[in-house]
Amino acid sequence: MNISLTGPEKIKISDDQLEQLLAMYKSLQENLEKLITEFFTPFEMMHSEGVFTGAAAETFAAFCQLVKNYLEARLSLSLQEIRSFVDTFKTRINEVDSFNDLR
């Protein structure tokens, strides 16, 4: 049985490039998590120390917590989607490479 593939003879991306992409997104994740923490920590500290008081302060603190939770969840989901894409792409490259090795 002779099976032929159409498309480029070789996919022009290496495993090293994929690993670099994953490393870049891991670094991005760490930087964004640090940014979120550094932005919201002062508000959380001021609230816990009683600097903010009253209904407006409680509402603002709750809003800040809601925004922080959303940003953390969205960041995590986005980076999981990117990692999944890269893993799937890497698997498909390996499948094509192993098929070419059989020819």
PDB file of N, CA and C in Angstrom:
ATOM      1  N   MET A   1       0.847  -1.171   0.000  1.00  0.00           N
ATOM      2  CA  MET A   1       0.000   0.000   0.000  1.00  0.00           C
ATOM      3  C   MET A   1       0.894   1.236   0.000  1.00  0.00           C
ATOM      4  N   ASN A   2       0.674   2.105  -0.962  1.00  0.00           N
ATOM      5  CA  ASN A   2       1.471   3.322  -1.083  1.00  0.00           C
ATOM      6  C   ASN A   2       0.603   4.521  -0.706  1.00  0.00           C
ATOM      7  N   ILE A   3       0.967   5.176   0.389  1.00  0.00           N
ATOM      8  CA  ILE A   3       0.228   6.349   0.857  1.00  0.00           C
ATOM      9  C   ILE A   3       1.106   7.561   0.626  1.00  0.00           C
ATOM     10  N   SER A   4       0.525   8.584   0.044  1.00  0.00           N
ATOM     11  CA  SER A   4       1.322   9.799  -0.152  1.00  0.00           C
ATOM     12  C   SER A   4       0.642  10.968   0.548  1.00  0.00           C
ATOM     13  N   LEU A   5       1.470  11.841   1.056  1.00  0.00           N
ATOM     14  CA  LEU A   5       0.982  13.048   1.713  1.00  0.00           C
ATOM     15  C   LEU A   5       1.136  14.224   0.768  1.00  0.00           C
ATOM     16  N   THR A   6       0.196  15.118   0.819  1.00  0.00           N
ATOM     17  CA  THR A   6       0.352  16.346   0.060  1.00  0.00           C
ATOM     18  C   THR A   6       0.774  17.441   1.017  1.00  0.00           C
ATOM     19  N   GLY A   7       1.422  18.428   0.513  1.00  0.00           N
ATOM     20  CA  GLY A   7       1.881  19.524   1.362  1.00  0.00           C
ATOM     21  C   GLY A   7       3.396  19.601   1.346  1.00  0.00           C
ATOM     22  N   PRO A   8       3.936  20.367   2.244  1.00  0.00           N
ATOM     23  CA  PRO A   8       5.388  20.552   2.254  1.00  0.00           C
ATOM     24  C   PRO A   8       6.108  19.251   2.587  1.00  0.00           C
ATOM     25  N   GLU A   9       7.274  19.089   2.027  1.00  0.00           N
ATOM     26  CA  GLU A   9       8.082  17.899   2.282  1.00  0.00           C
ATOM     27  C   GLU A   9       8.512  17.851   3.743  1.00  0.00           C
ATOM     28  N   LYS A  10       8.882  18.986   4.265  1.00  0.00           N
ATOM     29  CA  LYS A  10       9.321  19.074   5.659  1.00  0.00           C
ATOM     30  C   LYS A  10       8.615  20.246   6.330  1.00  0.00           C
ATOM     31  N   ILE A  11       8.242  20.063   7.555  1.00  0.00           N
ATOM     32  CA  ILE A  11       7.684  21.164   8.330  1.00  0.00           C
ATOM     33  C   ILE A  11       8.851  21.933   8.905  1.00  0.00           C
ATOM     34  N   LYS A  12       8.857  23.233   8.682  1.00  0.00           N
ATOM     35  CA  LYS A  12      10.022  24.032   9.042  1.00  0.00           C
ATOM     36  C   LYS A  12       9.906  24.611  10.443  1.00  0.00           C
ATOM     37  N   ILE A  13       9.808  23.740  11.413  1.00  0.00           N
ATOM     38  CA  ILE A  13       9.877  24.142  12.816  1.00  0.00           C
ATOM     39  C   ILE A  13      10.489  22.967  13.566  1.00  0.00           C
ATOM     40  N   SER A  14      11.378  23.259  14.437  1.00  0.00           N
ATOM     41  CA  SER A  14      12.077  22.195  15.148  1.00  0.00           C
ATOM     42  C   SER A  14      11.501  22.011  16.547  1.00  0.00           C
ATOM     43  N   ASP A  15      11.843  20.878  17.138  1.00  0.00           N
ATOM     44  CA  ASP A  15      11.452  20.645  18.526  1.00  0.00           C
ATOM     45  C   ASP A  15      12.026  21.731  19.423  1.00  0.00           C
ATOM     46  N   ASP A  16      13.240  22.169  19.101  1.00  0.00           N
ATOM     47  CA  ASP A  16      13.880  23.222  19.889  1.00  0.00           C
ATOM     48  C   ASP A  16      13.060  24.512  19.824  1.00  0.00           C
ATOM     49  N   GLN A  17      12.545  24.839  18.644  1.00  0.00           N
ATOM     50  CA  GLN A  17      11.724  26.042  18.511  1.00  0.00           C
ATOM     51  C   GLN A  17      10.428  25.914  19.318  1.00  0.00           C
ATOM     52  N   LEU A  18       9.846  24.730  19.320  1.00  0.00           N
ATOM     53  CA  LEU A  18       8.640  24.516  20.119  1.00  0.00           C
ATOM     54  C   LEU A  18       8.947  24.639  21.608  1.00  0.00           C
ATOM     55  N   GLU A  19      10.076  24.093  22.023  1.00  0.00           N
ATOM     56  CA  GLU A  19      10.473  24.209  23.432  1.00  0.00           C
ATOM     57  C   GLU A  19      10.723  25.670  23.802  1.00  0.00           C
ATOM     58  N   GLN A  20      11.317  26.428  22.881  1.00  0.00           N
ATOM     59  CA  GLN A  20      11.536  27.855  23.126  1.00  0.00           C
ATOM     60  C   GLN A  20      10.203  28.585  23.263  1.00  0.00           C
ATOM     61  N   LEU A  21       9.243  28.211  22.442  1.00  0.00           N
ATOM     62  CA  LEU A  21       7.911  28.807  22.519  1.00  0.00           C
ATOM     63  C   LEU A  21       7.264  28.512  23.872  1.00  0.00           C
ATOM     64  N   LEU A  22       7.364  27.265  24.315  1.00  0.00           N
ATOM     65  CA  LEU A  22       6.815  26.915  25.624  1.00  0.00           C
ATOM     66  C   LEU A  22       7.523  27.673  26.741  1.00  0.00           C
ATOM     67  N   ALA A  23       8.837  27.807  26.637  1.00  0.00           N
ATOM     68  CA  ALA A  23       9.598  28.544  27.654  1.00  0.00           C
ATOM     69  C   ALA A  23       9.181  30.013  27.677  1.00  0.00           C
ATOM     70  N   MET A  24       8.950  30.580  26.488  1.00  0.00           N
ATOM     71  CA  MET A  24       8.525  31.974  26.409  1.00  0.00           C
ATOM     72  C   MET A  24       7.168  32.164  27.094  1.00  0.00           C
ATOM     73  N   TYR A  25       6.235  31.255  26.849  1.00  0.00           N
ATOM     74  CA  TYR A  25       4.924  31.379  27.465  1.00  0.00           C
ATOM     75  C   TYR A  25       4.971  31.097  28.963  1.00  0.00           C
ATOM     76  N   LYS A  26       5.862  30.215  29.399  1.00  0.00           N
ATOM     77  CA  LYS A  26       6.038  29.991  30.839  1.00  0.00           C
ATOM     78  C   LYS A  26       6.565  31.262  31.495  1.00  0.00           C
ATOM     79  N   SER A  27       7.522  31.910  30.847  1.00  0.00           N
ATOM     80  CA  SER A  27       8.056  33.172  31.357  1.00  0.00           C
ATOM     81  C   SER A  27       6.965  34.245  31.377  1.00  0.00           C
ATOM     82  N   LEU A  28       6.164  34.292  30.323  1.00  0.00           N
ATOM     83  CA  LEU A  28       5.050  35.237  30.259  1.00  0.00           C
ATOM     84  C   LEU A  28       4.070  34.990  31.403  1.00  0.00           C
ATOM     85  N   GLN A  29       3.767  33.722  31.649  1.00  0.00           N
ATOM     86  CA  GLN A  29       2.862  33.377  32.737  1.00  0.00           C
ATOM     87  C   GLN A  29       3.419  33.854  34.072  1.00  0.00           C
ATOM     88  N   GLU A  30       4.693  33.589  34.316  1.00  0.00           N
ATOM     89  CA  GLU A  30       5.314  34.012  35.577  1.00  0.00           C
ATOM     90  C   GLU A  30       5.293  35.532  35.717  1.00  0.00           C
ATOM     91  N   ASN A  31       5.606  36.236  34.637  1.00  0.00           N
ATOM     92  CA  ASN A  31       5.614  37.699  34.684  1.00  0.00           C
ATOM     93  C   ASN A  31       4.225  38.271  34.941  1.00  0.00           C
ATOM     94  N   LEU A  32       3.214  37.714  34.287  1.00  0.00           N
ATOM     95  CA  LEU A  32       1.851  38.209  34.481  1.00  0.00           C
ATOM     96  C   LEU A  32       1.329  37.886  35.877  1.00  0.00           C
ATOM     97  N   GLU A  33       1.662  36.696  36.380  1.00  0.00           N
ATOM     98  CA  GLU A  33       1.256  36.359  37.743  1.00  0.00           C
ATOM     99  C   GLU A  33       1.906  37.311  38.741  1.00  0.00           C
ATOM    100  N   LYS A  34       3.179  37.632  38.521  1.00  0.00           N
ATOM    101  CA  LYS A  34       3.891  38.568  39.394  1.00  0.00           C
ATOM    102  C   LYS A  34       3.248  39.954  39.312  1.00  0.00           C
ATOM    103  N   LEU A  35       2.906  40.379  38.102  1.00  0.00           N
ATOM    104  CA  LEU A  35       2.274  41.680  37.907  1.00  0.00           C
ATOM    105  C   LEU A  35       0.937  41.757  38.647  1.00  0.00           C
ATOM    106  N   ILE A  36       0.132  40.722  38.519  1.00  0.00           N
ATOM    107  CA  ILE A  36      -1.160  40.686  39.209  1.00  0.00           C
ATOM    108  C   ILE A  36      -0.951  40.749  40.718  1.00  0.00           C
ATOM    109  N   THR A  37      -0.020  39.953  41.214  1.00  0.00           N
ATOM    110  CA  THR A  37       0.256  39.938  42.654  1.00  0.00           C
ATOM    111  C   THR A  37       0.738  41.297  43.137  1.00  0.00           C
ATOM    112  N   GLU A  38       1.691  41.872  42.417  1.00  0.00           N
ATOM    113  CA  GLU A  38       2.244  43.161  42.839  1.00  0.00           C
ATOM    114  C   GLU A  38       1.215  44.286  42.770  1.00  0.00           C
ATOM    115  N   PHE A  39       0.275  44.193  41.850  1.00  0.00           N
ATOM    116  CA  PHE A  39      -0.750  45.226  41.736  1.00  0.00           C
ATOM    117  C   PHE A  39      -1.773  45.120  42.868  1.00  0.00           C
ATOM    118  N   PHE A  40      -2.238  43.900  43.152  1.00  0.00           N
ATOM    119  CA  PHE A  40      -3.335  43.741  44.102  1.00  0.00           C
ATOM    120  C   PHE A  40      -2.890  43.615  45.556  1.00  0.00           C
ATOM    121  N   THR A  41      -1.667  43.193  45.821  1.00  0.00           N
ATOM    122  CA  THR A  41      -1.214  43.008  47.205  1.00  0.00           C
ATOM    123  C   THR A  41      -1.333  44.270  48.054  1.00  0.00           C
ATOM    124  N   PRO A  42      -0.923  45.443  47.563  1.00  0.00           N
ATOM    125  CA  PRO A  42      -1.086  46.645  48.407  1.00  0.00           C
ATOM    126  C   PRO A  42      -2.538  46.912  48.804  1.00  0.00           C
ATOM    127  N   PHE A  43      -3.471  46.710  47.877  1.00  0.00           N
ATOM    128  CA  PHE A  43      -4.889  46.899  48.205  1.00  0.00           C
ATOM    129  C   PHE A  43      -5.333  45.900  49.271  1.00  0.00           C
ATOM    130  N   GLU A  44      -4.909  44.642  49.101  1.00  0.00           N
ATOM    131  CA  GLU A  44      -5.286  43.615  50.065  1.00  0.00           C
ATOM    132  C   GLU A  44      -4.704  43.921  51.444  1.00  0.00           C
ATOM    133  N   MET A  45      -3.460  44.383  51.478  1.00  0.00           N
ATOM    134  CA  MET A  45      -2.827  44.720  52.759  1.00  0.00           C
ATOM    135  C   MET A  45      -3.534  45.903  53.424  1.00  0.00           C
ATOM    136  N   MET A  46      -3.807  46.941  52.644  1.00  0.00           N
ATOM    137  CA  MET A  46      -4.480  48.113  53.213  1.00  0.00           C
ATOM    138  C   MET A  46      -5.861  47.749  53.745  1.00  0.00           C
ATOM    139  N   HIS A  47      -6.564  46.892  53.022  1.00  0.00           N
ATOM    140  CA  HIS A  47      -7.888  46.473  53.476  1.00  0.00           C
ATOM    141  C   HIS A  47      -7.782  45.665  54.758  1.00  0.00           C
ATOM    142  N   SER A  48      -6.856  44.719  54.802  1.00  0.00           N
ATOM    143  CA  SER A  48      -6.731  43.870  55.992  1.00  0.00           C
ATOM    144  C   SER A  48      -6.239  44.650  57.209  1.00  0.00           C
ATOM    145  N   GLU A  49      -5.501  45.735  56.982  1.00  0.00           N
ATOM    146  CA  GLU A  49      -4.992  46.553  58.089  1.00  0.00           C
ATOM    147  C   GLU A  49      -5.965  47.656  58.501  1.00  0.00           C
ATOM    148  N   GLY A  50      -7.115  47.714  57.844  1.00  0.00           N
ATOM    149  CA  GLY A  50      -8.126  48.682  58.228  1.00  0.00           C
ATOM    150  C   GLY A  50      -7.927  50.074  57.661  1.00  0.00           C
ATOM    151  N   VAL A  51      -7.050  50.207  56.668  1.00  0.00           N
ATOM    152  CA  VAL A  51      -6.849  51.518  56.037  1.00  0.00           C
ATOM    153  C   VAL A  51      -8.113  51.921  55.284  1.00  0.00           C
ATOM    154  N   PHE A  52      -8.720  50.953  54.610  1.00  0.00           N
ATOM    155  CA  PHE A  52      -9.998  51.198  53.948  1.00  0.00           C
ATOM    156  C   PHE A  52     -11.098  50.779  54.913  1.00  0.00           C
ATOM    157  N   THR A  53     -12.054  51.656  55.149  1.00  0.00           N
ATOM    158  CA  THR A  53     -13.181  51.316  56.025  1.00  0.00           C
ATOM    159  C   THR A  53     -14.478  51.793  55.394  1.00  0.00           C
ATOM    160  N   GLY A  54     -15.556  51.238  55.849  1.00  0.00           N
ATOM    161  CA  GLY A  54     -16.868  51.651  55.378  1.00  0.00           C
ATOM    162  C   GLY A  54     -17.362  50.817  54.212  1.00  0.00           C
ATOM    163  N   ALA A  55     -18.594  51.104  53.827  1.00  0.00           N
ATOM    164  CA  ALA A  55     -19.247  50.340  52.760  1.00  0.00           C
ATOM    165  C   ALA A  55     -18.534  50.503  51.425  1.00  0.00           C
ATOM    166  N   ALA A  56     -18.096  51.716  51.111  1.00  0.00           N
ATOM    167  CA  ALA A  56     -17.398  51.944  49.840  1.00  0.00           C
ATOM    168  C   ALA A  56     -16.097  51.152  49.795  1.00  0.00           C
ATOM    169  N   ALA A  57     -15.395  51.104  50.914  1.00  0.00           N
ATOM    170  CA  ALA A  57     -14.143  50.350  50.971  1.00  0.00           C
ATOM    171  C   ALA A  57     -14.393  48.859  50.798  1.00  0.00           C
ATOM    172  N   GLU A  58     -15.441  48.355  51.430  1.00  0.00           N
ATOM    173  CA  GLU A  58     -15.779  46.935  51.296  1.00  0.00           C
ATOM    174  C   GLU A  58     -16.144  46.603  49.851  1.00  0.00           C
ATOM    175  N   THR A  59     -16.906  47.488  49.235  1.00  0.00           N
ATOM    176  CA  THR A  59     -17.294  47.283  47.839  1.00  0.00           C
ATOM    177  C   THR A  59     -16.076  47.314  46.931  1.00  0.00           C
ATOM    178  N   PHE A  60     -15.187  48.268  47.155  1.00  0.00           N
ATOM    179  CA  PHE A  60     -13.970  48.372  46.352  1.00  0.00           C
ATOM    180  C   PHE A  60     -13.092  47.144  46.546  1.00  0.00           C
ATOM    181  N   ALA A  61     -12.944  46.689  47.780  1.00  0.00           N
ATOM    182  CA  ALA A  61     -12.129  45.504  48.060  1.00  0.00           C
ATOM    183  C   ALA A  61     -12.722  44.269  47.387  1.00  0.00           C
ATOM    184  N   ALA A  62     -14.043  44.135  47.443  1.00  0.00           N
ATOM    185  CA  ALA A  62     -14.705  43.000  46.791  1.00  0.00           C
ATOM    186  C   ALA A  62     -14.522  43.066  45.280  1.00  0.00           C
ATOM    187  N   PHE A  63     -14.627  44.271  44.723  1.00  0.00           N
ATOM    188  CA  PHE A  63     -14.421  44.451  43.289  1.00  0.00           C
ATOM    189  C   PHE A  63     -12.988  44.077  42.899  1.00  0.00           C
ATOM    190  N   CYS A  64     -12.018  44.543  43.670  1.00  0.00           N
ATOM    191  CA  CYS A  64     -10.611  44.216  43.388  1.00  0.00           C
ATOM    192  C   CYS A  64     -10.385  42.709  43.427  1.00  0.00           C
ATOM    193  N   GLN A  65     -10.981  42.043  44.407  1.00  0.00           N
ATOM    194  CA  GLN A  65     -10.828  40.589  44.515  1.00  0.00           C
ATOM    195  C   GLN A  65     -11.463  39.896  43.319  1.00  0.00           C
ATOM    196  N   LEU A  66     -12.617  40.376  42.896  1.00  0.00           N
ATOM    197  CA  LEU A  66     -13.289  39.810  41.729  1.00  0.00           C
ATOM    198  C   LEU A  66     -12.434  39.975  40.474  1.00  0.00           C
ATOM    199  N   VAL A  67     -11.897  41.163  40.260  1.00  0.00           N
ATOM    200  CA  VAL A  67     -11.039  41.415  39.094  1.00  0.00           C
ATOM    201  C   VAL A  67      -9.793  40.535  39.154  1.00  0.00           C
ATOM    202  N   LYS A  68      -9.183  40.432  40.320  1.00  0.00           N
ATOM    203  CA  LYS A  68      -7.981  39.604  40.474  1.00  0.00           C
ATOM    204  C   LYS A  68      -8.290  38.144  40.145  1.00  0.00           C
ATOM    205  N   ASN A  69      -9.379  37.620  40.695  1.00  0.00           N
ATOM    206  CA  ASN A  69      -9.756  36.230  40.423  1.00  0.00           C
ATOM    207  C   ASN A  69     -10.010  36.004  38.939  1.00  0.00           C
ATOM    208  N   TYR A  70     -10.688  36.952  38.302  1.00  0.00           N
ATOM    209  CA  TYR A  70     -10.945  36.838  36.867  1.00  0.00           C
ATOM    210  C   TYR A  70      -9.639  36.825  36.080  1.00  0.00           C
ATOM    211  N   LEU A  71      -8.751  37.763  36.376  1.00  0.00           N
ATOM    212  CA  LEU A  71      -7.481  37.842  35.648  1.00  0.00           C
ATOM    213  C   LEU A  71      -6.658  36.573  35.825  1.00  0.00           C
ATOM    214  N   GLU A  72      -6.611  36.050  37.033  1.00  0.00           N
ATOM    215  CA  GLU A  72      -5.855  34.819  37.277  1.00  0.00           C
ATOM    216  C   GLU A  72      -6.457  33.642  36.515  1.00  0.00           C
ATOM    217  N   ALA A  73      -7.784  33.528  36.537  1.00  0.00           N
ATOM    218  CA  ALA A  73      -8.445  32.426  35.840  1.00  0.00           C
ATOM    219  C   ALA A  73      -8.276  32.545  34.332  1.00  0.00           C
ATOM    220  N   ARG A  74      -8.447  33.741  33.806  1.00  0.00           N
ATOM    221  CA  ARG A  74      -8.326  33.947  32.357  1.00  0.00           C
ATOM    222  C   ARG A  74      -6.899  33.706  31.885  1.00  0.00           C
ATOM    223  N   LEU A  75      -5.932  34.169  32.653  1.00  0.00           N
ATOM    224  CA  LEU A  75      -4.528  33.941  32.324  1.00  0.00           C
ATOM    225  C   LEU A  75      -4.228  32.451  32.301  1.00  0.00           C
ATOM    226  N   SER A  76      -4.676  31.755  33.319  1.00  0.00           N
ATOM    227  CA  SER A  76      -4.433  30.319  33.399  1.00  0.00           C
ATOM    228  C   SER A  76      -5.062  29.591  32.213  1.00  0.00           C
ATOM    229  N   LEU A  77      -6.295  29.917  31.899  1.00  0.00           N
ATOM    230  CA  LEU A  77      -6.988  29.283  30.779  1.00  0.00           C
ATOM    231  C   LEU A  77      -6.294  29.582  29.458  1.00  0.00           C
ATOM    232  N   SER A  78      -5.922  30.827  29.239  1.00  0.00           N
ATOM    233  CA  SER A  78      -5.253  31.205  27.989  1.00  0.00           C
ATOM    234  C   SER A  78      -3.946  30.449  27.814  1.00  0.00           C
ATOM    235  N   LEU A  79      -3.164  30.368  28.870  1.00  0.00           N
ATOM    236  CA  LEU A  79      -1.875  29.688  28.763  1.00  0.00           C
ATOM    237  C   LEU A  79      -2.045  28.178  28.632  1.00  0.00           C
ATOM    238  N   GLN A  80      -3.092  27.614  29.237  1.00  0.00           N
ATOM    239  CA  GLN A  80      -3.378  26.190  29.041  1.00  0.00           C
ATOM    240  C   GLN A  80      -3.744  25.915  27.586  1.00  0.00           C
ATOM    241  N   GLU A  81      -4.526  26.812  26.986  1.00  0.00           N
ATOM    242  CA  GLU A  81      -4.907  26.656  25.582  1.00  0.00           C
ATOM    243  C   GLU A  81      -3.676  26.725  24.684  1.00  0.00           C
ATOM    244  N   ILE A  82      -2.780  27.650  24.974  1.00  0.00           N
ATOM    245  CA  ILE A  82      -1.557  27.784  24.176  1.00  0.00           C
ATOM    246  C   ILE A  82      -0.703  26.529  24.324  1.00  0.00           C
ATOM    247  N   ARG A  83      -0.539  26.059  25.545  1.00  0.00           N
ATOM    248  CA  ARG A  83       0.271  24.859  25.777  1.00  0.00           C
ATOM    249  C   ARG A  83      -0.345  23.657  25.055  1.00  0.00           C
ATOM    250  N   SER A  84      -1.651  23.532  25.118  1.00  0.00           N
ATOM    251  CA  SER A  84      -2.334  22.437  24.433  1.00  0.00           C
ATOM    252  C   SER A  84      -2.100  22.507  22.928  1.00  0.00           C
ATOM    253  N   PHE A  85      -2.177  23.716  22.366  1.00  0.00           N
ATOM    254  CA  PHE A  85      -1.923  23.895  20.938  1.00  0.00           C
ATOM    255  C   PHE A  85      -0.503  23.462  20.583  1.00  0.00           C
ATOM    256  N   VAL A  86       0.467  23.900  21.372  1.00  0.00           N
ATOM    257  CA  VAL A  86       1.866  23.554  21.087  1.00  0.00           C
ATOM    258  C   VAL A  86       2.073  22.051  21.215  1.00  0.00           C
ATOM    259  N   ASP A  87       1.494  21.433  22.241  1.00  0.00           N
ATOM    260  CA  ASP A  87       1.632  19.985  22.415  1.00  0.00           C
ATOM    261  C   ASP A  87       1.005  19.229  21.244  1.00  0.00           C
ATOM    262  N   THR A  88      -0.176  19.666  20.811  1.00  0.00           N
ATOM    263  CA  THR A  88      -0.835  19.034  19.669  1.00  0.00           C
ATOM    264  C   THR A  88      -0.007  19.203  18.404  1.00  0.00           C
ATOM    265  N   PHE A  89       0.525  20.399  18.197  1.00  0.00           N
ATOM    266  CA  PHE A  89       1.350  20.665  17.024  1.00  0.00           C
ATOM    267  C   PHE A  89       2.594  19.789  17.039  1.00  0.00           C
ATOM    268  N   LYS A  90       3.210  19.662  18.197  1.00  0.00           N
ATOM    269  CA  LYS A  90       4.412  18.834  18.329  1.00  0.00           C
ATOM    270  C   LYS A  90       4.090  17.369  18.026  1.00  0.00           C
ATOM    271  N   THR A  91       2.966  16.888  18.521  1.00  0.00           N
ATOM    272  CA  THR A  91       2.546  15.511  18.259  1.00  0.00           C
ATOM    273  C   THR A  91       2.335  15.287  16.769  1.00  0.00           C
ATOM    274  N   ARG A  92       1.701  16.231  16.115  1.00  0.00           N
ATOM    275  CA  ARG A  92       1.452  16.086  14.672  1.00  0.00           C
ATOM    276  C   ARG A  92       2.745  16.125  13.869  1.00  0.00           C
ATOM    277  N   ILE A  93       3.677  16.958  14.287  1.00  0.00           N
ATOM    278  CA  ILE A  93       4.981  16.986  13.612  1.00  0.00           C
ATOM    279  C   ILE A  93       5.656  15.629  13.758  1.00  0.00           C
ATOM    280  N   ASN A  94       5.612  15.066  14.960  1.00  0.00           N
ATOM    281  CA  ASN A  94       6.227  13.754  15.190  1.00  0.00           C
ATOM    282  C   ASN A  94       5.545  12.671  14.365  1.00  0.00           C
ATOM    283  N   GLU A  95       4.221  12.755  14.208  1.00  0.00           N
ATOM    284  CA  GLU A  95       3.498  11.786  13.384  1.00  0.00           C
ATOM    285  C   GLU A  95       3.936  11.882  11.926  1.00  0.00           C
ATOM    286  N   VAL A  96       4.064  13.102  11.416  1.00  0.00           N
ATOM    287  CA  VAL A  96       4.511  13.295  10.034  1.00  0.00           C
ATOM    288  C   VAL A  96       5.941  12.800   9.877  1.00  0.00           C
ATOM    289  N   ASP A  97       6.801  13.136  10.827  1.00  0.00           N
ATOM    290  CA  ASP A  97       8.193  12.686  10.763  1.00  0.00           C
ATOM    291  C   ASP A  97       8.282  11.169  10.786  1.00  0.00           C
ATOM    292  N   SER A  98       7.499  10.515  11.651  1.00  0.00           N
ATOM    293  CA  SER A  98       7.556   9.054  11.722  1.00  0.00           C
ATOM    294  C   SER A  98       6.982   8.434  10.453  1.00  0.00           C
ATOM    295  N   PHE A  99       5.977   9.059   9.854  1.00  0.00           N
ATOM    296  CA  PHE A  99       5.444   8.564   8.585  1.00  0.00           C
ATOM    297  C   PHE A  99       6.494   8.689   7.488  1.00  0.00           C
ATOM    298  N   ASN A 100       7.188   9.820   7.442  1.00  0.00           N
ATOM    299  CA  ASN A 100       8.241  10.017   6.444  1.00  0.00           C
ATOM    300  C   ASN A 100       9.374   9.021   6.639  1.00  0.00           C
ATOM    301  N   ASP A 101       9.653   8.645   7.881  1.00  0.00           N
ATOM    302  CA  ASP A 101      10.703   7.662   8.155  1.00  0.00           C
ATOM    303  C   ASP A 101      10.328   6.288   7.618  1.00  0.00           C
ATOM    304  N   LEU A 102       9.024   5.995   7.536  1.00  0.00           N
ATOM    305  CA  LEU A 102       8.561   4.703   7.037  1.00  0.00           C
ATOM    306  C   LEU A 102       8.679   4.590   5.519  1.00  0.00           C
ATOM    307  N   ARG A 103       8.752   5.737   4.845  1.00  0.00           N
ATOM    308  CA  ARG A 103       8.802   5.705   3.378  1.00  0.00           C
ATOM    309  C   ARG A 103      10.122   5.266   2.889  1.00  0.00           C
TER     310      ARG A 103
END
